[in-house]
Amino acid sequence: MKKILLLFITILALAVLNSCDKEVYTGVTETEYFQNGKIFLRSNPTGAKIYLNNKNMGIATPDSLIWLTTGSHKITLKISNFKDTTFYLNVIDGQTTNDYVDYYQNPGHFGKLECTSIPDNAEIIINDSATTRTTPYTFTYLRPGYYNVRMKYPIHRDFVADVLISGGVTKKLNAVLDDTSKWITYNKDNSPLTSNYVTQILYDDNNAVWIGTKDKGVVKFQGNTWQIFNSSNSIIPSSSINAMVLDNNNNVWVGFGSGLVAFTNSGIIDYSTMLPSKNVFALHVDRVGNLWVGTEKGLAKFDGISWTNYNTSNSGLGGNYVLSISSDANNQLWIGTSSFGISVFDGSSWQKWNMSNMNLSSNLGNSIKSIAIDQFGNVWAAHLENIKQGELGGMSMFDGQSWQSIKIQGISITRIESISRDRFDYMWVCTKNGAARFQDYTNPTLFVTQNSEIASNHIVYAMIDLSEDIYFGTFGAGFSRVKKGNY
């Protein structure tokens, strides 16, 4: 039995060995062949993207293409602002083909700049270097890239633009130069002004102009000097300005939706914590130098030392949401509120005016957005439009005896932005449809885009500075200035 078992194992082992021998390949092994032709590409300027047979290879000059088959290959180099360069190169196995492309040696890669202006004959300056050329003129053989172009003409504001020149392309640049002898407009595209949305504008005792914006902080402008103050580079609590006023010490007070600060000779001082609410809508300095602050939760008074707050609970104030403040020759305070008309405060007693006792059409509305007193003691009030409540808005005037609704021929006064009095005792009514200046409202001087060079009909505020130049702050188009003698 043992002999039989041993014989079976022997036969089985031989069968397995036989099977393994049949799986072994005994033919001739073919040698694997690798293509190793190579192209090395350089360019001036460097950084051109390399395409092989229309395929982006993900590399840029200087670099190499490897493992190429013998024969002709299509090469394309692409670099910003230059024309694409396409050529063919022959590759030989085991060899490196070198090629160099100098974009600046091919005239087709240069661009042109055509400069024109209104008026003609403006001096052309490129990259701060005089060209000795005047408009109209076309510059040729310009290398692709950015150029700073300035056009200058006497008694006109310079036109400045950064221009991108591309290979094989003529760039046309037309400059309309503002005549600065009369009107000039400043916006974020032609000046350091940070925003085109102006909310307030005033001048200080040094004739510096202060501009409050809706979204980019406070701008101080004097001569050719601009200073920008925002929540990123100063301690002001917000970049959105609601109100501004100058006090008797030449301090500029600025109210935000989140606080109150004063710009003083010593720096910026934050008074936000002294208010009944940080949401400030109105600022006013009365006849004796007290600062009055209108907030959404009442009225605050600062006499230079201490603060006093007034609201509907501790005073005769008609409504806590204060939108506007002014004072008359007797230093009575006239306070415009949201939805509760006008409150008058003489320092001890209160009086209230609203649609129920002003004897005016009820559709004028009880929200008083702006209030001012003229040289004759008349009180002018701008009623805020509120279509949902059936209030159309408009303007009223109190002559000391009675109220009357006022209309100004030539502009719609249902959308008033502000009413103010300038240093020459003219009244200003600024609206979304233009502005009017008058001492007699039946004979106003109108400022609209149709009869002036003002930037926009949406005028938020107007004022005349110590040089007798008029400034118009617009909502959306920056601010415009008309020089003395041109209005």
Protein backbone atom coordinates (compact mmCIF):
# COMPACT_ATOMS: atom_id res chain seq x y z
CA MET A 1 0.00 0.00 0.00
CA LYS A 2 2.84 2.39 0.83
CA LYS A 3 4.43 1.69 -2.55
CA ILE A 4 1.17 2.55 -4.37
CA LEU A 5 0.76 5.84 -2.46
CA LEU A 6 4.37 6.82 -3.16
CA LEU A 7 3.90 6.13 -6.88
CA PHE A 8 0.73 8.31 -6.99
CA ILE A 9 2.50 11.26 -5.36
CA THR A 10 5.39 10.96 -7.81
CA ILE A 11 3.05 11.02 -10.83
CA LEU A 12 1.14 14.01 -9.45
CA ALA A 13 4.32 16.02 -8.94
CA LEU A 14 5.45 15.34 -12.49
CA ALA A 15 2.07 16.50 -13.83
CA VAL A 16 2.31 19.81 -11.93
CA LEU A 17 5.84 20.43 -13.21
CA ASN A 18 4.71 19.72 -16.75
CA SER A 19 1.88 22.22 -16.43
CA CYS A 20 4.24 25.02 -15.21
CA ASP A 21 6.61 24.46 -18.11
CA LYS A 22 3.83 25.12 -20.63
CA GLU A 23 3.12 28.69 -19.20
CA VAL A 24 6.70 29.93 -19.63
CA TYR A 25 7.21 32.15 -22.79
CA THR A 26 10.27 31.00 -24.69
CA GLY A 27 10.01 33.26 -27.77
CA VAL A 28 12.26 36.24 -28.72
CA THR A 29 11.63 39.38 -26.50
CA GLU A 30 10.97 42.53 -28.57
CA THR A 31 12.97 45.59 -27.43
CA GLU A 32 10.68 48.53 -26.28
CA TYR A 33 11.35 51.81 -28.23
CA PHE A 34 11.01 55.26 -26.56
CA GLN A 35 10.64 58.54 -28.54
CA ASN A 36 12.93 61.13 -26.90
CA GLY A 37 12.97 64.15 -29.23
CA LYS A 38 12.95 67.44 -27.29
CA ILE A 39 12.10 71.13 -27.89
CA PHE A 40 13.41 73.89 -25.61
CA LEU A 41 11.50 77.19 -25.91
CA ARG A 42 12.41 80.70 -24.69
CA SER A 43 10.70 84.06 -25.21
CA ASN A 44 11.03 87.76 -24.47
CA PRO A 45 9.11 88.57 -22.39
CA THR A 46 9.06 85.27 -20.54
CA GLY A 47 5.94 83.52 -19.31
CA ALA A 48 4.34 82.66 -22.65
CA LYS A 49 2.02 79.67 -22.38
CA ILE A 50 3.13 76.76 -24.57
CA TYR A 51 0.66 74.90 -26.79
CA LEU A 52 1.65 71.73 -28.66
CA ASN A 53 -0.55 70.82 -31.63
CA ASN A 54 -3.28 73.12 -30.21
CA LYS A 55 -3.12 71.52 -26.75
CA ASN A 56 -2.21 73.58 -23.68
CA MET A 57 0.76 71.81 -22.13
CA GLY A 58 0.44 73.60 -18.79
CA ILE A 59 3.93 75.10 -18.98
CA ALA A 60 5.35 78.50 -19.94
CA THR A 61 8.58 79.85 -21.36
CA PRO A 62 11.35 79.09 -20.66
CA ASP A 63 10.58 75.36 -20.61
CA SER A 64 10.90 72.14 -22.61
CA LEU A 65 8.62 69.75 -24.47
CA ILE A 66 9.91 66.16 -24.18
CA TRP A 67 9.17 62.63 -25.44
CA LEU A 68 8.29 63.96 -28.88
CA THR A 69 8.05 61.81 -31.99
CA THR A 70 10.26 62.53 -34.96
CA GLY A 71 8.68 64.94 -37.42
CA SER A 72 7.03 68.36 -37.61
CA HIS A 73 5.14 69.78 -34.58
CA LYS A 74 2.88 72.83 -34.36
CA ILE A 75 3.91 75.23 -31.57
CA THR A 76 1.80 78.17 -30.33
CA LEU A 77 2.91 80.69 -27.69
CA LYS A 78 0.30 82.81 -25.91
CA ILE A 79 1.03 85.77 -23.64
CA SER A 80 -1.32 88.48 -22.38
CA ASN A 81 -1.81 91.55 -24.62
CA PHE A 82 0.43 90.15 -27.40
CA LYS A 83 -0.71 88.42 -30.55
CA ASP A 84 -0.50 84.62 -30.51
CA THR A 85 2.64 83.32 -32.20
CA THR A 86 2.38 80.04 -34.12
CA PHE A 87 5.18 78.16 -35.93
CA TYR A 88 6.32 74.61 -36.80
CA LEU A 89 9.48 72.87 -35.60
CA ASN A 90 11.07 69.62 -36.80
CA VAL A 91 12.02 67.11 -34.12
CA ILE A 92 14.68 64.41 -34.49
CA ASP A 93 14.79 61.47 -32.13
CA GLY A 94 17.49 61.88 -29.52
CA GLN A 95 18.10 65.54 -30.28
CA THR A 96 17.02 68.87 -28.73
CA THR A 97 15.56 71.60 -30.94
CA ASN A 98 15.94 75.13 -29.55
CA ASP A 99 13.82 78.14 -30.44
CA TYR A 100 13.62 81.73 -29.18
CA VAL A 101 10.75 84.19 -29.80
CA ASP A 102 11.38 87.91 -29.21
CA TYR A 103 7.98 89.59 -29.30
CA TYR A 104 9.57 93.02 -29.41
CA GLN A 105 11.29 92.31 -32.74
CA ASN A 106 7.96 91.85 -34.55
CA PRO A 107 6.15 95.15 -35.37
CA GLY A 108 2.87 93.26 -35.41
CA HIS A 109 3.08 92.89 -31.64
CA PHE A 110 3.05 96.63 -30.99
CA GLY A 111 -0.08 98.70 -30.41
CA LYS A 112 -1.28 102.24 -31.10
CA LEU A 113 -2.80 104.94 -28.90
CA GLU A 114 -5.06 107.54 -30.49
CA CYS A 115 -5.50 110.59 -28.23
CA THR A 116 -8.22 113.20 -28.83
CA SER A 117 -9.71 115.84 -26.55
CA ILE A 118 -12.31 118.54 -26.20
CA PRO A 119 -10.92 121.18 -26.56
CA ASP A 120 -8.10 120.27 -28.96
CA ASN A 121 -4.39 120.97 -28.41
CA ALA A 122 -4.23 119.41 -24.97
CA GLU A 123 -0.73 118.46 -23.87
CA ILE A 124 -0.19 114.68 -23.70
CA ILE A 125 1.89 113.17 -20.88
CA ILE A 126 2.56 109.42 -20.72
CA ASN A 127 3.88 107.72 -17.58
CA ASP A 128 4.70 111.15 -16.09
CA SER A 129 6.95 112.04 -19.05
CA ALA A 130 6.24 114.85 -21.49
CA THR A 131 5.75 113.66 -25.06
CA THR A 132 5.89 117.13 -26.72
CA ARG A 133 2.67 116.09 -28.53
CA THR A 134 -0.78 117.65 -28.35
CA THR A 135 -4.18 116.31 -29.26
CA PRO A 136 -5.20 114.97 -31.68
CA TYR A 137 -2.27 112.58 -32.01
CA THR A 138 -1.72 108.84 -32.51
CA PHE A 139 1.24 107.10 -30.87
CA THR A 140 2.57 104.03 -32.71
CA TYR A 141 4.93 101.16 -31.88
CA LEU A 142 3.86 100.99 -28.24
CA ARG A 143 4.80 97.88 -26.33
CA PRO A 144 1.78 96.06 -24.90
CA GLY A 145 0.98 96.89 -21.27
CA TYR A 146 -0.54 99.60 -19.10
CA TYR A 147 0.19 103.28 -19.71
CA ASN A 148 -0.77 106.23 -17.53
CA VAL A 149 -2.01 108.99 -19.83
CA ARG A 150 -2.62 112.59 -18.78
CA MET A 151 -4.03 115.35 -20.99
CA LYS A 152 -3.63 118.98 -19.87
CA TYR A 153 -5.14 122.21 -21.10
CA PRO A 154 -4.95 125.69 -19.48
CA ILE A 155 -7.78 126.52 -17.00
CA HIS A 156 -9.16 123.01 -17.41
CA ARG A 157 -8.94 120.02 -15.13
CA ASP A 158 -6.47 117.35 -16.20
CA PHE A 159 -7.84 114.16 -17.68
CA VAL A 160 -6.05 111.07 -16.35
CA ALA A 161 -6.55 107.45 -17.37
CA ASP A 162 -4.73 104.12 -17.18
CA VAL A 163 -4.83 102.58 -20.64
CA LEU A 164 -4.12 98.97 -21.62
CA ILE A 165 -2.31 98.68 -24.95
CA SER A 166 -2.60 95.35 -26.78
CA GLY A 167 -0.55 94.09 -29.70
CA GLY A 168 -1.99 94.89 -33.12
CA VAL A 169 -4.79 97.03 -31.63
CA THR A 170 -5.42 100.79 -31.76
CA LYS A 171 -6.69 102.10 -28.42
CA LYS A 172 -8.81 105.26 -28.71
CA LEU A 173 -8.85 107.70 -25.80
CA ASN A 174 -11.06 110.78 -25.93
CA ALA A 175 -10.86 113.29 -23.07
CA VAL A 176 -13.53 115.85 -22.26
CA LEU A 177 -11.68 118.44 -20.18
CA ASP A 178 -13.74 120.34 -17.60
CA ASP A 179 -13.46 124.11 -17.76
CA THR A 180 -12.40 124.89 -14.18
CA SER A 181 -12.88 128.62 -14.65
CA LYS A 182 -16.64 128.10 -14.15
CA TRP A 183 -17.96 124.64 -13.23
CA ILE A 184 -16.16 121.53 -12.08
CA THR A 185 -17.43 118.17 -10.90
CA TYR A 186 -15.59 115.79 -8.57
CA ASN A 187 -16.38 112.10 -8.48
CA LYS A 188 -14.57 108.89 -7.58
CA ASP A 189 -13.35 108.43 -11.17
CA ASN A 190 -11.69 111.83 -11.65
CA SER A 191 -10.60 112.71 -8.11
CA PRO A 192 -9.68 111.14 -4.75
CA LEU A 193 -13.36 111.38 -3.70
CA THR A 194 -14.15 107.93 -2.31
CA SER A 195 -17.87 107.77 -3.13
CA ASN A 196 -20.31 109.40 -5.52
CA TYR A 197 -23.06 109.22 -2.90
CA VAL A 198 -22.86 112.46 -0.93
CA THR A 199 -25.09 112.91 2.12
CA GLN A 200 -23.72 116.11 3.70
CA ILE A 201 -21.43 118.98 2.75
CA LEU A 202 -20.10 121.98 4.73
CA TYR A 203 -17.10 124.31 5.01
CA ASP A 204 -15.10 125.24 8.10
CA ASP A 205 -13.45 128.48 9.22
CA ASN A 206 -10.36 127.64 7.13
CA ASN A 207 -12.55 127.21 4.03
CA ALA A 208 -11.86 123.48 3.95
CA VAL A 209 -14.81 121.59 2.49
CA TRP A 210 -16.07 118.53 4.39
CA ILE A 211 -18.05 115.92 2.50
CA GLY A 212 -20.03 113.17 4.18
CA THR A 213 -20.73 110.09 2.06
CA LYS A 214 -23.26 107.30 2.26
CA ASP A 215 -20.73 104.47 2.26
CA LYS A 216 -17.10 105.66 2.22
CA GLY A 217 -16.63 107.92 5.23
CA VAL A 218 -15.71 111.60 5.51
CA VAL A 219 -13.67 113.49 2.92
CA LYS A 220 -11.87 116.75 3.70
CA PHE A 221 -11.03 118.79 0.61
CA GLN A 222 -8.95 121.99 0.51
CA GLY A 223 -7.19 123.26 -2.59
CA ASN A 224 -5.53 120.18 -4.05
CA THR A 225 -5.32 118.32 -0.74
CA TRP A 226 -7.67 115.46 0.08
CA GLN A 227 -7.99 113.59 3.37
CA ILE A 228 -10.10 110.48 3.79
CA PHE A 229 -11.49 109.32 7.14
CA ASN A 230 -13.31 106.00 7.39
CA SER A 231 -13.90 103.19 9.86
CA SER A 232 -10.74 101.42 8.68
CA ASN A 233 -8.20 104.24 9.06
CA SER A 234 -9.69 106.20 11.99
CA ILE A 235 -11.86 105.82 15.07
CA ILE A 236 -15.07 106.91 13.39
CA PRO A 237 -17.67 104.20 14.07
CA SER A 238 -19.00 103.88 10.55
CA SER A 239 -18.37 104.92 6.95
CA SER A 240 -22.01 105.99 6.48
CA ILE A 241 -22.67 109.63 7.42
CA ASN A 242 -26.14 110.97 8.27
CA ALA A 243 -25.42 114.48 9.58
CA MET A 244 -22.66 117.09 9.92
CA VAL A 245 -22.35 120.49 11.61
CA LEU A 246 -19.63 123.03 12.45
CA ASP A 247 -19.54 124.42 16.00
CA ASN A 248 -18.28 127.80 17.25
CA ASN A 249 -14.80 126.39 17.89
CA ASN A 250 -14.33 125.18 14.31
CA ASN A 251 -14.93 121.56 15.31
CA VAL A 252 -16.72 119.41 12.75
CA TRP A 253 -19.32 117.10 14.30
CA VAL A 254 -20.34 114.01 12.35
CA GLY A 255 -23.34 111.80 13.08
CA PHE A 256 -23.62 108.20 11.94
CA GLY A 257 -26.10 105.40 12.24
CA SER A 258 -23.80 104.07 14.94
CA GLY A 259 -22.44 107.07 16.84
CA LEU A 260 -21.17 110.64 17.02
CA VAL A 261 -17.64 112.07 16.73
CA ALA A 262 -16.04 115.50 16.66
CA PHE A 263 -13.07 116.40 14.44
CA THR A 264 -11.02 118.81 16.58
CA ASN A 265 -7.53 120.31 16.48
CA SER A 266 -6.54 117.63 18.99
CA GLY A 267 -7.88 114.77 16.91
CA ILE A 268 -11.12 112.82 16.63
CA ILE A 269 -13.20 112.47 19.80
CA ASP A 270 -15.94 109.84 20.12
CA TYR A 271 -19.08 110.94 21.99
CA SER A 272 -21.26 107.97 21.03
CA THR A 273 -21.79 106.73 24.60
CA MET A 274 -23.31 110.07 25.67
CA LEU A 275 -26.38 109.72 23.43
CA PRO A 276 -29.81 108.19 24.08
CA SER A 277 -29.24 106.28 20.83
CA LYS A 278 -26.23 105.90 18.56
CA ASN A 279 -28.46 106.28 15.51
CA VAL A 280 -27.94 110.01 14.76
CA PHE A 281 -30.06 111.78 12.15
CA ALA A 282 -29.69 115.51 12.89
CA LEU A 283 -27.08 117.93 14.28
CA HIS A 284 -27.46 121.62 15.04
CA VAL A 285 -25.52 124.33 16.90
CA ASP A 286 -27.82 126.98 18.37
CA ARG A 287 -27.28 130.73 18.82
CA VAL A 288 -25.31 130.33 22.07
CA GLY A 289 -23.16 127.42 20.93
CA ASN A 290 -25.04 124.43 22.34
CA LEU A 291 -24.85 121.27 20.25
CA TRP A 292 -28.17 119.49 19.68
CA VAL A 293 -28.25 115.88 18.49
CA GLY A 294 -31.34 114.23 17.05
CA THR A 295 -31.50 110.44 17.42
CA GLU A 296 -34.11 107.73 17.02
CA LYS A 297 -34.66 107.73 20.81
CA GLY A 298 -34.84 111.43 21.55
CA LEU A 299 -32.86 114.65 21.65
CA ALA A 300 -29.48 115.31 23.30
CA LYS A 301 -27.97 118.68 24.26
CA PHE A 302 -24.26 119.30 24.87
CA ASP A 303 -23.24 122.66 26.35
CA GLY A 304 -19.52 121.92 26.15
CA ILE A 305 -19.40 120.37 29.61
CA SER A 306 -22.44 118.19 30.25
CA TRP A 307 -25.09 116.31 28.31
CA THR A 308 -28.88 116.51 28.75
CA ASN A 309 -31.32 114.12 27.09
CA TYR A 310 -34.93 114.90 26.14
CA ASN A 311 -37.63 112.43 25.15
CA THR A 312 -41.40 112.06 25.20
CA SER A 313 -41.29 110.79 28.79
CA ASN A 314 -39.35 113.66 30.40
CA SER A 315 -40.29 116.59 28.15
CA GLY A 316 -42.86 117.94 25.72
CA LEU A 317 -41.04 116.50 22.72
CA GLY A 318 -43.70 115.28 20.30
CA GLY A 319 -41.82 112.20 19.07
CA ASN A 320 -38.55 110.52 19.93
CA TYR A 321 -37.49 109.93 16.33
CA VAL A 322 -35.81 113.28 15.56
CA LEU A 323 -35.03 113.98 11.88
CA SER A 324 -34.16 117.71 11.80
CA ILE A 325 -33.28 120.65 14.08
CA SER A 326 -32.96 124.43 13.65
CA SER A 327 -33.07 127.51 15.88
CA ASP A 328 -34.52 130.97 15.36
CA ALA A 329 -33.33 134.47 16.32
CA ASN A 330 -34.76 134.00 19.83
CA ASN A 331 -32.88 130.70 20.14
CA GLN A 332 -36.10 128.73 20.11
CA LEU A 333 -35.42 125.21 18.94
CA TRP A 334 -37.53 123.86 16.07
CA ILE A 335 -37.41 120.06 16.00
CA GLY A 336 -38.73 117.97 13.12
CA THR A 337 -39.78 114.42 14.03
CA SER A 338 -40.82 111.29 12.23
CA SER A 339 -44.65 111.03 12.21
CA PHE A 340 -45.21 113.58 15.00
CA GLY A 341 -44.70 116.92 13.27
CA ILE A 342 -42.69 119.79 14.75
CA SER A 343 -41.86 120.46 18.40
CA VAL A 344 -40.79 123.97 19.47
CA PHE A 345 -38.69 124.38 22.64
CA ASP A 346 -37.82 127.78 24.11
CA GLY A 347 -35.72 126.37 26.95
CA SER A 348 -38.61 125.91 29.36
CA SER A 349 -41.85 125.26 27.50
CA TRP A 350 -42.89 123.21 24.49
CA GLN A 351 -45.27 123.74 21.58
CA LYS A 352 -46.32 121.22 18.94
CA TRP A 353 -47.29 121.63 15.31
CA ASN A 354 -48.71 118.87 13.14
CA MET A 355 -51.32 118.30 10.44
CA SER A 356 -54.11 118.73 12.99
CA ASN A 357 -53.27 122.34 13.95
CA MET A 358 -51.18 123.60 11.01
CA ASN A 359 -54.38 123.85 8.92
CA LEU A 360 -52.65 122.33 5.90
CA SER A 361 -53.64 119.50 3.62
CA SER A 362 -53.18 116.27 5.57
CA ASN A 363 -51.40 114.64 2.65
CA LEU A 364 -48.32 116.79 3.29
CA GLY A 365 -47.40 114.48 6.18
CA ASN A 366 -46.17 114.73 9.77
CA SER A 367 -42.58 113.58 9.12
CA ILE A 368 -40.32 116.64 8.87
CA LYS A 369 -37.10 115.72 7.10
CA SER A 370 -35.51 119.19 7.09
CA ILE A 371 -36.21 122.52 8.79
CA ALA A 372 -34.63 125.99 8.46
CA ILE A 373 -35.34 129.62 9.42
CA ASP A 374 -34.83 132.48 6.98
CA GLN A 375 -33.55 136.02 7.67
CA PHE A 376 -37.09 137.25 8.28
CA GLY A 377 -37.84 134.61 10.90
CA ASN A 378 -40.01 132.47 8.66
CA VAL A 379 -39.77 128.76 9.38
CA TRP A 380 -39.45 126.43 6.38
CA ALA A 381 -40.24 122.73 6.73
CA ALA A 382 -39.74 119.82 4.32
CA HIS A 383 -42.41 117.16 4.73
CA LEU A 384 -41.23 113.64 3.97
CA GLU A 385 -42.95 111.65 1.26
CA ASN A 386 -44.60 108.41 2.49
CA ILE A 387 -46.80 106.96 -0.23
CA LYS A 388 -47.88 103.98 1.91
CA GLN A 389 -49.46 106.34 4.44
CA GLY A 390 -50.91 108.61 1.78
CA GLU A 391 -48.41 111.40 2.53
CA LEU A 392 -47.19 113.07 -0.65
CA GLY A 393 -44.58 115.27 0.97
CA GLY A 394 -43.84 118.89 0.14
CA MET A 395 -42.89 122.16 1.78
CA SER A 396 -44.59 124.48 4.24
CA MET A 397 -43.71 127.88 5.70
CA PHE A 398 -44.68 129.53 9.01
CA ASP A 399 -44.62 133.34 9.07
CA GLY A 400 -45.18 133.63 12.80
CA GLN A 401 -48.95 133.69 12.44
CA SER A 402 -49.96 130.81 10.21
CA TRP A 403 -48.67 127.96 8.07
CA GLN A 404 -49.00 127.77 4.32
CA SER A 405 -48.08 125.19 1.73
CA ILE A 406 -45.35 126.41 -0.64
CA LYS A 407 -44.62 125.44 -4.22
CA ILE A 408 -41.65 126.54 -6.31
CA GLN A 409 -42.17 126.89 -10.01
CA GLY A 410 -39.77 124.79 -12.05
CA ILE A 411 -39.03 121.94 -9.62
CA SER A 412 -41.06 119.35 -7.77
CA ILE A 413 -40.91 120.01 -4.03
CA THR A 414 -42.58 116.72 -3.03
CA ARG A 415 -39.16 115.04 -2.91
CA ILE A 416 -37.08 117.47 -0.86
CA GLU A 417 -33.69 116.39 0.47
CA SER A 418 -32.82 119.52 2.50
CA ILE A 419 -33.68 123.14 3.23
CA SER A 420 -30.92 125.49 4.39
CA ARG A 421 -29.87 129.12 4.60
CA ASP A 422 -26.53 130.31 3.24
CA ARG A 423 -24.19 133.01 4.53
CA PHE A 424 -25.79 135.61 2.23
CA ASP A 425 -29.27 134.88 3.61
CA TYR A 426 -30.44 133.00 0.55
CA MET A 427 -32.59 129.94 1.12
CA TRP A 428 -31.74 126.68 -0.58
CA VAL A 429 -34.24 123.93 -1.37
CA CYS A 430 -32.50 120.80 -2.64
CA THR A 431 -34.57 118.02 -4.15
CA LYS A 432 -34.30 114.86 -6.21
CA ASN A 433 -35.28 117.05 -9.18
CA GLY A 434 -32.85 119.95 -8.82
CA ALA A 435 -32.19 122.88 -6.48
CA ALA A 436 -33.63 126.36 -5.97
CA ARG A 437 -31.96 129.41 -4.37
CA PHE A 438 -34.07 132.40 -3.39
CA GLN A 439 -34.92 135.19 -0.99
CA ASP A 440 -38.30 135.47 -2.64
CA TYR A 441 -39.55 131.97 -3.36
CA THR A 442 -41.74 133.27 -6.19
CA ASN A 443 -38.60 134.30 -8.09
CA PRO A 444 -36.04 131.52 -7.53
CA THR A 445 -32.80 130.70 -9.33
CA LEU A 446 -32.96 127.08 -10.41
CA PHE A 447 -30.03 124.71 -10.78
CA VAL A 448 -30.79 121.63 -12.88
CA THR A 449 -28.84 119.66 -15.45
CA GLN A 450 -30.84 121.30 -18.23
CA ASN A 451 -29.57 124.84 -17.47
CA SER A 452 -26.21 124.21 -15.78
CA GLU A 453 -23.27 121.85 -15.64
CA ILE A 454 -24.36 120.30 -12.36
CA ALA A 455 -23.58 116.57 -12.24
CA SER A 456 -27.07 115.37 -11.33
CA ASN A 457 -30.55 116.64 -10.51
CA HIS A 458 -30.57 114.55 -7.32
CA ILE A 459 -29.09 117.26 -5.09
CA VAL A 460 -28.76 116.43 -1.41
CA TYR A 461 -27.27 119.66 -0.09
CA ALA A 462 -25.93 122.99 -1.34
CA MET A 463 -23.74 125.60 0.34
CA ILE A 464 -21.61 128.63 -0.52
CA ASP A 465 -18.09 128.79 0.94
CA LEU A 466 -15.87 131.68 2.06
CA SER A 467 -14.61 132.13 -1.52
CA GLU A 468 -18.24 132.47 -2.64
CA ASP A 469 -18.07 129.25 -4.64
CA ILE A 470 -21.22 127.14 -4.52
CA TYR A 471 -20.98 123.40 -3.84
CA PHE A 472 -23.70 120.92 -4.74
CA GLY A 473 -23.60 117.48 -3.13
CA THR A 474 -25.40 114.88 -5.24
CA PHE A 475 -26.54 111.38 -4.51
CA GLY A 476 -24.85 109.26 -7.16
CA ALA A 477 -22.67 111.73 -9.09
CA GLY A 478 -20.24 113.17 -6.53
CA PHE A 479 -20.26 116.93 -5.99
CA SER A 480 -20.15 119.94 -8.30
CA ARG A 481 -18.66 123.38 -7.73
CA VAL A 482 -19.57 126.57 -9.54
CA LYS A 483 -17.12 129.41 -9.07
CA LYS A 484 -17.99 132.93 -8.01
CA GLY A 485 -19.33 135.03 -10.85
CA ASN A 486 -20.89 132.12 -12.75
CA TYR A 487 -24.25 131.90 -11.00
